Protein backbone atom coordinates (compact mmCIF):
# COMPACT_ATOMS: atom_id res chain seq x y z
CA MET A 1 62.07 123.90 94.05
CA PHE A 2 63.90 125.94 96.65
CA ARG A 3 62.75 128.25 99.41
CA ILE A 4 63.82 131.86 98.93
CA GLY A 5 66.70 131.52 101.41
CA GLU A 6 68.02 128.42 99.66
CA PHE A 7 67.65 129.97 96.22
CA ALA A 8 69.37 133.16 97.41
CA GLN A 9 72.28 131.07 98.71
CA ILE A 10 72.61 129.20 95.42
CA ALA A 11 72.42 132.44 93.40
CA GLN A 12 74.77 134.28 95.81
CA VAL A 13 72.32 137.14 96.35
CA SER A 14 70.24 138.25 99.31
CA GLY A 15 66.64 137.34 99.97
CA ARG A 16 65.88 141.06 100.27
CA LEU A 17 67.18 141.58 96.71
CA LEU A 18 64.95 138.78 95.39
CA ARG A 19 61.91 140.37 97.06
CA TYR A 20 62.83 143.74 95.57
CA TYR A 21 63.19 142.24 92.07
CA ASP A 22 59.79 140.60 92.55
CA GLN A 23 58.24 143.99 93.41
CA LEU A 24 59.68 145.43 90.18
CA GLY A 25 58.39 142.52 88.11
CA LEU A 26 61.87 141.34 87.14
CA ILE A 27 61.74 137.83 88.58
CA ALA A 28 58.87 136.34 90.58
CA PRO A 29 58.70 133.18 92.69
CA ILE A 30 57.41 130.05 90.99
CA ARG A 31 54.97 129.63 93.85
CA ILE A 32 53.95 131.37 97.05
CA ASP A 33 52.44 129.15 99.71
CA PRO A 34 49.00 130.70 100.45
CA GLN A 35 49.09 129.56 104.11
CA THR A 36 52.72 130.22 105.14
CA GLY A 37 53.67 132.88 102.58
CA TYR A 38 56.85 130.96 101.79
CA ARG A 39 58.33 131.85 98.41
CA TRP A 40 59.59 129.05 96.19
CA TYR A 41 62.00 129.40 93.26
CA SER A 42 63.22 126.97 90.61
CA ALA A 43 66.77 126.39 89.35
CA ARG A 44 65.34 127.08 85.89
CA GLN A 45 65.10 130.75 86.98
CA LEU A 46 68.83 131.08 87.54
CA PRO A 47 69.63 132.07 83.92
CA ARG A 48 67.11 134.95 84.14
CA LEU A 49 68.50 136.09 87.48
CA ASN A 50 72.06 135.83 86.20
CA ARG A 51 71.14 137.92 83.17
CA ILE A 52 69.69 140.60 85.44
CA LEU A 53 72.87 140.64 87.49
CA ALA A 54 75.10 140.70 84.39
CA LEU A 55 73.21 143.63 82.84
CA LYS A 56 73.31 145.45 86.15
CA GLU A 57 77.08 144.95 86.26
CA LEU A 58 77.26 146.69 82.87
CA GLY A 59 75.74 149.73 84.55
CA LEU A 60 72.23 149.49 83.12
CA THR A 61 69.38 150.58 85.35
CA LEU A 62 66.68 148.16 86.42
CA GLU A 63 64.21 150.19 84.34
CA GLN A 64 66.38 149.50 81.29
CA ILE A 65 66.84 145.84 82.16
CA LYS A 66 63.17 144.83 82.39
CA PRO A 67 62.29 145.31 78.68
CA LEU A 68 65.52 143.50 77.77
CA LEU A 69 64.40 140.46 79.75
CA ASP A 70 61.02 140.51 78.06
CA GLY A 71 62.55 140.83 74.58
CA GLU A 72 60.99 144.25 73.95
CA ILE A 73 64.19 146.02 72.81
CA PRO A 74 65.64 145.36 69.33
CA ALA A 75 69.29 144.39 69.05
CA ALA A 76 70.20 147.74 67.47
CA GLU A 77 68.73 149.65 70.40
CA MET A 78 70.49 147.32 72.82
CA ARG A 79 73.78 147.99 71.05
CA ALA A 80 73.23 151.75 71.23
CA MET A 81 72.45 151.47 74.94
CA LEU A 82 75.63 149.53 75.61
CA SER A 83 77.67 151.91 73.45
CA GLU A 84 76.42 154.83 75.49
CA ARG A 85 77.32 152.98 78.68
CA ARG A 86 80.79 152.21 77.27
CA ASP A 87 81.35 155.89 76.49
CA HIS A 88 80.36 156.79 80.04
CA VAL A 89 82.78 154.24 81.51
CA GLU A 90 85.59 155.47 79.24
CA GLU A 91 84.98 159.05 80.37
CA THR A 92 84.99 157.93 84.01
CA LEU A 93 88.28 156.11 83.46
CA ARG A 94 89.75 159.20 81.78
CA LEU A 95 88.76 161.39 84.72
CA GLU A 96 90.13 158.88 87.20
CA GLU A 97 93.38 158.67 85.22
CA THR A 98 93.66 162.46 85.43
CA ARG A 99 93.01 162.33 89.16
CA LEU A 100 95.64 159.59 89.54
CA ARG A 101 98.23 161.67 87.74
CA GLN A 102 97.40 164.67 89.91
CA ILE A 103 97.90 162.55 93.01
CA GLU A 104 101.21 161.24 91.64
CA SER A 105 102.25 164.81 90.87
CA ARG A 106 101.50 165.84 94.46
CA ILE A 107 103.48 162.88 95.80
CA ALA A 108 106.43 163.77 93.56
CA GLN A 109 106.18 167.37 94.74
CA ILE A 110 106.36 166.25 98.37
CA ASP A 111 109.27 163.90 97.61
CA GLN A 112 111.17 166.69 95.88
CA HIS A 113 110.45 169.63 98.18
CA GLY A 114 109.30 168.03 101.41
CA GLU A 115 105.91 169.75 101.20
CA VAL A 116 103.04 170.50 98.85
CA GLY A 117 103.78 173.73 97.00
CA GLY A 118 101.59 176.76 97.28
CA GLU A 119 100.99 177.15 93.53
CA ASP A 120 98.03 175.10 92.36
CA VAL A 121 96.82 174.40 88.84
CA VAL A 122 93.05 174.57 88.40
CA VAL A 123 91.33 173.16 85.31
CA LYS A 124 88.26 175.08 84.21
CA SER A 125 86.02 175.74 81.22
CA ILE A 126 86.14 179.28 79.81
CA PRO A 127 83.19 180.65 77.78
CA ALA A 128 83.65 182.81 74.68
CA GLN A 129 84.25 186.48 75.51
CA PRO A 130 83.96 189.71 73.53
CA TYR A 131 87.42 191.25 73.34
CA LEU A 132 88.75 194.67 72.31
CA ALA A 133 92.45 194.32 71.60
CA ALA A 134 95.44 195.49 69.59
CA SER A 135 97.80 193.08 67.85
CA CYS A 136 101.49 193.79 68.34
CA LEU A 137 104.82 192.19 67.45
CA CYS A 138 107.00 193.14 70.41
CA GLU A 139 110.78 192.94 70.21
CA ASP A 140 111.19 191.75 73.80
CA MET A 141 109.49 191.64 77.20
CA ASP A 142 110.34 195.27 77.99
CA HIS A 143 108.64 196.33 74.75
CA ALA A 144 105.60 194.25 75.65
CA VAL A 145 105.39 195.84 79.10
CA ARG A 146 105.46 199.31 77.52
CA VAL A 147 102.64 198.42 75.12
CA VAL A 148 100.56 197.00 77.96
CA GLY A 149 101.06 200.28 79.84
CA GLN A 150 100.06 202.26 76.75
CA VAL A 151 96.90 200.20 76.23
CA VAL A 152 95.94 200.57 79.88
CA GLU A 153 96.51 204.33 79.90
CA GLU A 154 95.12 205.35 76.51
CA ALA A 155 92.36 202.78 76.05
CA GLY A 156 91.38 203.22 79.69
CA ALA A 157 90.68 206.88 78.93
CA LYS A 158 88.74 206.14 75.72
CA VAL A 159 86.69 203.08 76.73
CA SER A 160 84.18 203.44 79.56
CA ALA A 161 84.78 201.55 82.77
CA ALA A 162 81.31 200.02 82.43
CA LEU A 163 82.35 198.39 79.15
CA ARG A 164 85.87 197.31 80.12
CA ASP A 165 86.26 194.12 82.13
CA ARG A 166 89.68 192.44 82.49
CA LEU A 167 92.98 193.32 80.86
CA ILE A 168 93.99 190.22 78.88
CA VAL A 169 97.23 189.52 77.02
CA VAL A 170 97.11 186.68 74.49
CA SER A 171 100.48 185.28 73.46
CA ARG A 172 101.01 183.22 70.31
CA THR A 173 104.14 181.23 69.44
CA GLU A 174 104.11 181.08 65.64
CA GLN A 175 106.84 183.71 65.08
CA PRO A 176 110.07 182.18 63.70
CA ASP A 177 112.21 184.80 65.50
CA ASP A 178 112.31 185.92 69.13
CA ARG A 179 109.58 188.56 68.78
CA LEU A 180 106.46 188.27 70.90
CA ASP A 181 103.22 187.98 68.93
CA LEU A 182 100.63 189.45 71.28
CA ASP A 183 97.04 190.62 71.45
CA ILE A 184 96.69 193.19 74.24
CA GLY A 185 93.33 194.54 75.31
CA PHE A 186 90.26 194.22 77.46
CA SER A 187 87.50 191.65 77.69
CA LEU A 188 84.17 193.45 77.46
CA THR A 189 81.01 193.31 79.49
CA ARG A 190 78.96 193.20 76.27
CA ASP A 191 79.54 192.65 72.58
CA VAL A 192 80.19 195.91 70.68
CA LYS A 193 81.60 196.75 67.27
CA ARG A 194 84.15 199.52 67.57
CA ALA A 195 87.80 200.43 67.10
CA VAL A 196 90.03 202.57 69.27
CA LYS A 197 93.11 204.23 67.76
CA LEU A 198 96.18 204.68 69.96
CA ALA A 199 99.42 206.56 69.50
CA GLY A 200 102.12 204.94 67.37
CA GLY A 201 99.69 203.28 64.98
CA LEU A 202 98.20 200.82 67.47
CA GLU A 203 94.50 200.13 67.08
CA LEU A 204 92.20 198.12 69.30
CA VAL A 205 89.51 196.27 67.33
CA SER A 206 86.56 194.16 68.39
CA ARG A 207 86.97 190.40 68.21
CA GLU A 208 86.06 187.33 70.23
CA LEU A 209 88.16 185.22 72.53
CA PRO A 210 86.99 181.68 71.72
CA ALA A 211 85.58 179.36 74.34
CA VAL A 212 87.96 176.76 75.77
CA ASP A 213 86.61 173.53 77.23
CA THR A 214 89.77 172.60 79.12
CA MET A 215 91.91 175.47 80.41
CA ALA A 216 94.79 174.82 82.80
CA THR A 217 95.11 177.89 84.99
CA MET A 218 97.29 179.23 87.78
CA VAL A 219 97.19 182.54 89.63
CA ARG A 220 100.51 184.32 90.07
CA THR A 221 101.52 187.37 92.05
CA GLY A 222 104.79 189.15 92.55
CA PRO A 223 107.17 191.05 90.29
CA ALA A 224 107.47 190.31 86.57
CA TRP A 225 110.97 188.88 86.96
CA ARG A 226 109.49 185.94 88.93
CA SER A 227 106.92 185.07 86.24
CA HIS A 228 109.00 182.17 84.95
CA PHE A 229 108.36 180.25 88.19
CA PRO A 230 104.57 179.83 87.77
CA PHE A 231 104.95 179.33 84.02
CA GLY A 232 107.43 176.54 84.71
CA ALA A 233 105.11 175.04 87.30
CA ILE A 234 102.12 174.99 84.98
CA GLY A 235 104.29 173.57 82.18
CA SER A 236 105.41 170.73 84.45
CA TRP A 237 101.80 170.09 85.43
CA ILE A 238 100.69 169.88 81.77
CA GLU A 239 103.43 167.38 80.96
CA THR A 240 102.98 165.31 84.13
CA ASN A 241 99.23 164.99 83.62
CA GLY A 242 99.48 163.92 79.97
CA PHE A 243 98.07 167.02 78.26
CA GLU A 244 99.31 169.02 75.30
CA LEU A 245 98.82 172.68 74.41
CA SER A 246 95.86 173.44 72.14
CA GLY A 247 95.99 177.21 71.75
CA PRO A 248 97.73 180.46 72.70
CA CYS A 249 98.43 181.35 76.32
CA ARG A 250 96.36 184.05 78.01
CA GLU A 251 97.30 186.24 80.96
CA VAL A 252 94.24 187.69 82.68
CA PHE A 253 94.82 190.59 85.09
CA LEU A 254 92.53 190.00 88.05
CA ASP A 255 93.17 193.52 89.32
CA GLN A 256 93.91 196.71 87.44
CA PRO A 257 97.64 196.84 86.64
CA GLU A 258 97.88 200.54 87.42
CA SER A 259 96.69 199.87 90.97
CA SER A 260 99.70 197.76 91.94
CA THR A 261 103.33 197.22 91.00
CA GLU A 262 102.72 193.49 91.53
CA PRO A 263 99.37 192.70 89.85
CA ILE A 264 97.46 189.48 90.39
CA ILE A 265 97.43 187.58 87.09
CA GLU A 266 95.80 184.30 86.09
CA ILE A 267 97.86 182.34 83.58
CA GLN A 268 95.65 180.30 81.24
CA PHE A 269 96.80 177.55 78.88
CA PRO A 270 94.28 175.74 76.63
CA VAL A 271 95.07 172.03 76.80
CA ARG A 272 93.78 168.75 75.39
CA ARG A 273 94.53 165.06 75.47
CA PRO A 274 96.85 163.89 72.66
CA ALA A 275 94.95 162.28 69.78
């Protein structure tokens, strides 16, 4: 038999850890001297201690480990427990990989420009939103700007300010030609069923903007002719960080467009990891 210090040295653990495991009922001394209080352990206990340490390295809690040592958990339950732990580790690795790519992107940005740029991509989760919008095939950007102005002016007069929230333009890319396939309208403060007719045959109808778990976003300001800069930046970020697009782009006006010639707009791209 070995005193606790000797056993701790052989097992490459601390005496404090052995006392703690004893308190939890995981591994107890073979004998405690009633006069000196010395704790004695046997080499035959090393396999049990090593199993505790191995299970702990897998990320299991000590509360989970104890019934495993006593044979109280069936193999199927043990497998499920380890599978859950594996999934957690894989998710942690995925998040750390994303963080690593973001760091590499920042380093590349410094190497290229000599400083960290002022335009930052933020990844967020967006809940589903009630949406009142008109669908429009616009011939070009100038046409799109005119329709946005029409929606703001006419719908703004017909839909109460208490119901309207943000102006949102959703842009799809399925058109085989150069036309812009857009939904233009307002997110709503509550779900309502209504339609709003505008001049020229446009009609805003109620729908829902679906929730997006992973949305890459960037806020842009300045005139429309500079919009390609933040779009290019967010596109580079998506590629550098190993994502792919998973839905149509959204442009969310964070202030009312009629209040400024250079509105503040959040660009939103739904993204996902490649399968």
